Amino acid sequence: MALTLDHIVIAVKDLEQTITDYRALGFNVLQGGEHPGRPTYNALVVLADGAYFELIAWRSPSPGDRWWELLNQHGEGIVDFALLPPGTAVTVKGANERGLAYSGPHDGGRLRPDGERLQWQTSRPPSTDLPFLCGDITPRALRVPEGDARVHPNGARAVLSLSIAVQDLDASLARYRALLGDAQGTHIGTPFVLPGAAARVATIALGATTLVLTQPIPGAAPHTTQAHQLAKRGPGPFAVVLGTGSPAAQPHQAWHRELTHGAAIELVVG
């Protein structure tokens, strides 16, 4: 079975202000709740394709937490992303047999504002160019609401692409091949040089979502988005493109990062 995009993690300093700002951009934002045993709490922007943004904040400092360290040192923005496995333990076992060193599965959960307790299992990758895995124990619909919760005034419906900065494209592709194996619905493209971007790129199709792995060409301008990501935050996701449901839903938008709390988010018809 295929692995699909589960969610994109956006670390923020003030969750209530972030909720207000994302709603002003036309997103339907849901209160997520608290993570027992951790000083984190979150809100969700759930899309019609089932993927979502996790807007996460901390009630107290959390030294040693990579997401908090990125927020504390480099400011708000995208810090990670997760794939949804058909089974966390089975997926980890297969990936590790193919040469990776994913940890876990680790038990996790969240207490929703309505008192509902959610349970899941995660597995952490050996390098930050790779996603972590997040598989549900309680029904996924409890963690990722359906129906009207996925309808947004700005027309956003799906994650079309997620860009990931990498240090060594060939090494990253080898790791993704080990993670994905022969999963249905996935396809890894041949690397190519992106004209005008001073970057070497490869795409990975995960169903309707495309991961865009991007390695700056040596000597490229340091101000490019992917080069800045590598210099400040290290390998990992840095930009997302959302698609709308119809040409009439919303004109093209590329929001200023002050409005999205550091996340590079673009909305296009598609």
Protein backbone atom coordinates (compact mmCIF):
# COMPACT_ATOMS: atom_id res chain seq x y z
CA MET A 1 0.00 0.00 0.00
CA ALA A 2 1.05 3.58 -0.67
CA LEU A 3 2.44 6.03 1.84
CA THR A 4 0.67 9.37 1.55
CA LEU A 5 1.26 12.84 2.93
CA ASP A 6 -0.22 13.04 6.43
CA HIS A 7 0.64 16.52 7.65
CA ILE A 8 3.05 19.45 7.53
CA VAL A 9 4.29 20.89 10.83
CA ILE A 10 4.49 24.68 11.23
CA ALA A 11 6.09 25.85 14.50
CA VAL A 12 4.74 29.16 15.83
CA LYS A 13 5.23 31.34 18.90
CA ASP A 14 1.66 32.48 19.56
CA LEU A 15 -0.95 29.90 18.61
CA GLU A 16 -4.01 32.10 19.15
CA GLN A 17 -2.58 34.87 16.97
CA THR A 18 -1.65 32.31 14.32
CA ILE A 19 -5.21 30.96 14.30
CA THR A 20 -6.54 34.48 13.84
CA ASP A 21 -4.10 35.20 11.01
CA TYR A 22 -4.76 31.94 9.14
CA ARG A 23 -8.50 32.50 9.38
CA ALA A 24 -7.96 35.97 7.90
CA LEU A 25 -6.26 34.25 4.94
CA GLY A 26 -9.39 32.19 4.33
CA PHE A 27 -8.47 28.96 6.11
CA ASN A 28 -10.83 27.05 8.37
CA VAL A 29 -8.71 26.50 11.49
CA LEU A 30 -9.66 23.93 14.14
CA GLN A 31 -8.46 23.82 17.73
CA GLY A 32 -6.42 20.63 18.09
CA GLY A 33 -5.70 20.29 21.80
CA GLU A 34 -2.88 19.34 24.13
CA HIS A 35 -0.16 16.68 23.88
CA PRO A 36 -0.02 14.84 27.23
CA GLY A 37 3.48 14.75 28.66
CA ARG A 38 4.68 17.55 26.39
CA PRO A 39 4.39 21.36 26.67
CA THR A 40 2.87 21.56 23.17
CA TYR A 41 -0.61 22.30 21.88
CA ASN A 42 -1.86 22.78 18.35
CA ALA A 43 -4.44 23.77 15.79
CA LEU A 44 -5.21 22.15 12.44
CA VAL A 45 -5.93 23.25 8.88
CA VAL A 46 -7.38 20.11 7.27
CA LEU A 47 -7.66 19.90 3.49
CA ALA A 48 -10.09 17.91 1.37
CA ASP A 49 -7.33 15.50 0.31
CA GLY A 50 -6.85 14.47 3.95
CA ALA A 51 -3.51 16.20 4.50
CA TYR A 52 -3.30 19.02 7.01
CA PHE A 53 -1.17 21.77 8.51
CA GLU A 54 -0.33 21.31 12.16
CA LEU A 55 0.17 24.72 13.76
CA ILE A 56 2.11 23.88 16.90
CA ALA A 57 3.22 26.04 19.84
CA TRP A 58 4.91 25.55 23.22
CA ARG A 59 3.65 26.59 26.64
CA SER A 60 7.19 26.45 28.05
CA PRO A 61 10.73 26.08 26.66
CA SER A 62 11.65 22.60 25.47
CA PRO A 63 15.44 22.30 25.06
CA GLY A 64 16.36 19.20 23.08
CA ASP A 65 13.13 19.25 21.06
CA ARG A 66 14.33 19.81 17.47
CA TRP A 67 11.16 21.67 16.45
CA TRP A 68 11.40 23.99 19.44
CA GLU A 69 15.11 24.54 18.81
CA LEU A 70 14.39 25.55 15.20
CA LEU A 71 11.65 27.92 16.36
CA ASN A 72 13.81 29.37 19.13
CA GLN A 73 16.92 29.84 16.98
CA HIS A 74 15.52 30.65 13.54
CA GLY A 75 11.94 31.76 14.00
CA GLU A 76 8.56 30.49 12.89
CA GLY A 77 8.04 28.31 9.85
CA ILE A 78 7.79 24.80 8.46
CA VAL A 79 9.87 22.42 10.55
CA ASP A 80 8.84 18.90 9.49
CA PHE A 81 6.34 16.70 7.69
CA ALA A 82 4.83 13.27 8.17
CA LEU A 83 3.69 10.45 5.93
CA LEU A 84 0.76 8.20 6.77
CA PRO A 85 1.86 4.55 6.69
CA PRO A 86 -0.47 1.60 6.07
CA GLY A 87 1.00 0.24 9.32
CA THR A 88 3.70 1.99 11.32
CA ALA A 89 5.57 -1.05 12.62
CA VAL A 90 5.42 -2.88 9.28
CA THR A 91 6.59 0.19 7.35
CA VAL A 92 9.47 0.77 9.77
CA LYS A 93 10.51 -2.86 9.54
CA GLY A 94 10.55 -2.77 5.74
CA ALA A 95 12.45 0.53 5.56
CA ASN A 96 15.04 -0.63 8.08
CA GLU A 97 15.52 -3.91 6.23
CA ARG A 98 16.36 -1.78 3.18
CA GLY A 99 19.10 0.04 5.08
CA LEU A 100 17.42 2.90 6.95
CA ALA A 101 17.42 3.41 10.71
CA TYR A 102 13.96 4.68 11.60
CA SER A 103 13.29 4.65 15.33
CA GLY A 104 10.19 3.35 17.04
CA PRO A 105 7.32 3.00 16.75
CA HIS A 106 6.79 5.49 19.60
CA ASP A 107 3.41 5.92 21.27
CA GLY A 108 1.87 9.39 21.12
CA GLY A 109 -1.45 11.11 21.52
CA ARG A 110 -3.48 14.26 21.97
CA LEU A 111 -6.31 15.40 24.20
CA ARG A 112 -8.86 17.31 22.13
CA PRO A 113 -10.73 20.29 23.60
CA ASP A 114 -13.90 18.17 23.71
CA GLY A 115 -12.18 15.58 25.92
CA GLU A 116 -11.62 12.97 23.20
CA ARG A 117 -8.28 11.18 23.61
CA LEU A 118 -6.42 10.28 20.44
CA GLN A 119 -3.66 7.70 20.11
CA TRP A 120 -1.09 7.18 17.40
CA GLN A 121 2.37 5.82 16.77
CA THR A 122 5.26 7.74 15.21
CA SER A 123 8.63 6.75 13.88
CA ARG A 124 11.53 9.16 13.48
CA PRO A 125 13.91 9.16 10.49
CA PRO A 126 17.71 9.00 10.59
CA SER A 127 18.02 12.35 8.73
CA THR A 128 15.88 15.47 8.43
CA ASP A 129 15.53 15.27 4.63
CA LEU A 130 13.15 12.36 5.32
CA PRO A 131 9.64 12.53 6.82
CA PHE A 132 8.61 11.01 10.09
CA LEU A 133 5.77 8.48 10.09
CA CYS A 134 2.48 8.99 11.89
CA GLY A 135 0.00 6.12 12.03
CA ASP A 136 -3.27 6.08 13.94
CA ILE A 137 -4.36 3.70 16.68
CA THR A 138 -7.69 5.44 17.30
CA PRO A 139 -9.68 6.16 14.10
CA ARG A 140 -7.98 8.74 11.90
CA ALA A 141 -11.22 10.71 11.59
CA LEU A 142 -10.87 11.61 15.27
CA ARG A 143 -7.42 13.09 14.63
CA VAL A 144 -8.19 14.51 11.17
CA PRO A 145 -11.82 15.71 11.07
CA GLU A 146 -13.87 15.25 7.92
CA GLY A 147 -16.82 17.02 6.29
CA ASP A 148 -17.23 20.78 6.67
CA ALA A 149 -13.98 20.97 8.69
CA ARG A 150 -12.17 20.55 5.35
CA VAL A 151 -13.95 23.38 3.54
CA HIS A 152 -12.03 26.66 3.29
CA PRO A 153 -13.32 30.07 2.16
CA ASN A 154 -10.15 30.60 0.09
CA GLY A 155 -10.85 27.41 -1.88
CA ALA A 156 -7.79 25.43 -0.74
CA ARG A 157 -8.37 21.71 -1.22
CA ALA A 158 -5.12 19.80 -1.57
CA VAL A 159 -1.35 19.83 -1.18
CA LEU A 160 -0.03 19.77 -4.74
CA SER A 161 3.65 19.89 -3.82
CA LEU A 162 6.02 20.14 -0.89
CA SER A 163 9.60 21.32 -1.50
CA ILE A 164 12.42 19.79 0.54
CA ALA A 165 15.97 21.17 0.67
CA VAL A 166 18.67 18.47 0.60
CA GLN A 167 22.46 18.52 0.83
CA ASP A 168 23.11 15.56 -1.51
CA LEU A 169 20.27 14.79 -3.92
CA ASP A 170 21.51 11.33 -4.92
CA ALA A 171 21.95 10.26 -1.29
CA SER A 172 18.49 11.59 -0.39
CA LEU A 173 16.89 9.75 -3.31
CA ALA A 174 18.53 6.53 -2.16
CA ARG A 175 17.05 7.03 1.29
CA TYR A 176 13.59 7.69 -0.17
CA ARG A 177 13.82 4.54 -2.26
CA ALA A 178 14.62 2.61 0.90
CA LEU A 179 11.66 4.19 2.70
CA LEU A 180 9.11 3.74 -0.07
CA GLY A 181 10.20 0.35 -1.38
CA ASP A 182 7.74 -0.82 -4.01
CA ALA A 183 4.73 0.96 -2.47
CA GLN A 184 1.91 1.48 -4.93
CA GLY A 185 1.09 5.02 -6.03
CA THR A 186 4.67 6.28 -5.71
CA HIS A 187 7.12 7.26 -8.41
CA ILE A 188 10.63 8.71 -8.13
CA GLY A 189 11.69 10.83 -11.09
CA THR A 190 15.10 11.27 -12.67
CA PRO A 191 17.12 14.24 -11.32
CA PHE A 192 17.41 17.31 -13.53
CA VAL A 193 18.78 20.85 -13.35
CA LEU A 194 16.04 23.43 -12.91
CA PRO A 195 16.75 26.29 -15.36
CA GLY A 196 17.20 29.65 -13.72
CA ALA A 197 17.01 28.25 -10.19
CA ALA A 198 20.63 27.12 -9.75
CA ALA A 199 19.34 23.86 -8.32
CA ARG A 200 19.31 20.17 -9.07
CA VAL A 201 15.87 18.70 -8.54
CA ALA A 202 14.04 15.37 -8.39
CA THR A 203 10.35 14.73 -7.84
CA ILE A 204 8.64 11.98 -5.89
CA ALA A 205 4.95 11.37 -6.58
CA LEU A 206 2.99 10.24 -3.53
CA GLY A 207 -0.48 9.87 -4.97
CA ALA A 208 -1.69 13.38 -5.87
CA THR A 209 1.10 15.11 -3.92
CA THR A 210 4.58 15.69 -5.32
CA LEU A 211 7.65 15.98 -3.12
CA VAL A 212 10.23 18.23 -4.78
CA LEU A 213 13.75 17.46 -3.54
CA THR A 214 16.03 20.42 -4.25
CA GLN A 215 19.82 20.61 -3.96
CA PRO A 216 21.48 23.99 -4.61
CA ILE A 217 24.18 23.74 -7.24
CA PRO A 218 27.63 24.44 -5.69
CA GLY A 219 28.45 28.11 -6.08
CA ALA A 220 24.78 29.08 -6.36
CA ALA A 221 23.66 32.38 -4.87
CA PRO A 222 23.27 31.97 -1.09
CA HIS A 223 20.04 33.97 -1.08
CA THR A 224 17.99 31.29 -2.91
CA THR A 225 15.20 29.82 -0.81
CA GLN A 226 16.65 26.32 -0.72
CA ALA A 227 20.17 27.59 0.07
CA HIS A 228 18.81 29.74 2.88
CA GLN A 229 16.91 26.72 4.26
CA LEU A 230 20.05 24.60 4.32
CA ALA A 231 22.17 27.33 5.88
CA LYS A 232 19.71 28.25 8.63
CA ARG A 233 17.56 25.20 9.31
CA GLY A 234 19.38 22.31 7.64
CA PRO A 235 17.79 19.77 5.28
CA GLY A 236 14.01 19.62 5.38
CA PRO A 237 10.74 20.99 4.00
CA PHE A 238 10.55 24.70 3.21
CA ALA A 239 7.66 25.49 0.84
CA VAL A 240 4.20 24.16 -0.01
CA VAL A 241 1.86 24.68 -2.96
CA LEU A 242 -1.87 24.20 -2.38
CA GLY A 243 -4.46 23.64 -5.10
CA THR A 244 -7.99 25.04 -5.28
CA GLY A 245 -11.05 23.16 -6.44
CA SER A 246 -12.05 25.35 -9.37
CA PRO A 247 -10.73 28.35 -11.35
CA ALA A 248 -13.42 30.52 -9.77
CA ALA A 249 -12.53 29.58 -6.19
CA GLN A 250 -9.54 31.86 -5.62
CA PRO A 251 -7.00 33.70 -7.76
CA HIS A 252 -3.33 32.81 -7.37
CA GLN A 253 -1.96 33.69 -3.94
CA ALA A 254 1.58 33.68 -2.58
CA TRP A 255 1.17 35.00 0.93
CA HIS A 256 3.81 37.06 2.70
CA ARG A 257 5.51 35.00 5.39
CA GLU A 258 4.56 37.48 8.08
CA LEU A 259 0.94 36.47 7.43
CA THR A 260 1.68 32.72 7.43
CA HIS A 261 4.05 32.86 10.41
CA GLY A 262 7.14 31.97 8.43
CA ALA A 263 5.66 29.28 6.18
CA ALA A 264 6.10 29.63 2.40
CA ILE A 265 2.58 28.82 1.17
CA GLU A 266 1.30 29.34 -2.35
CA LEU A 267 -2.27 28.77 -3.58
CA VAL A 268 -2.87 27.95 -7.25
CA VAL A 269 -5.69 26.63 -9.42
CA GLY A 270 -5.16 22.90 -9.73
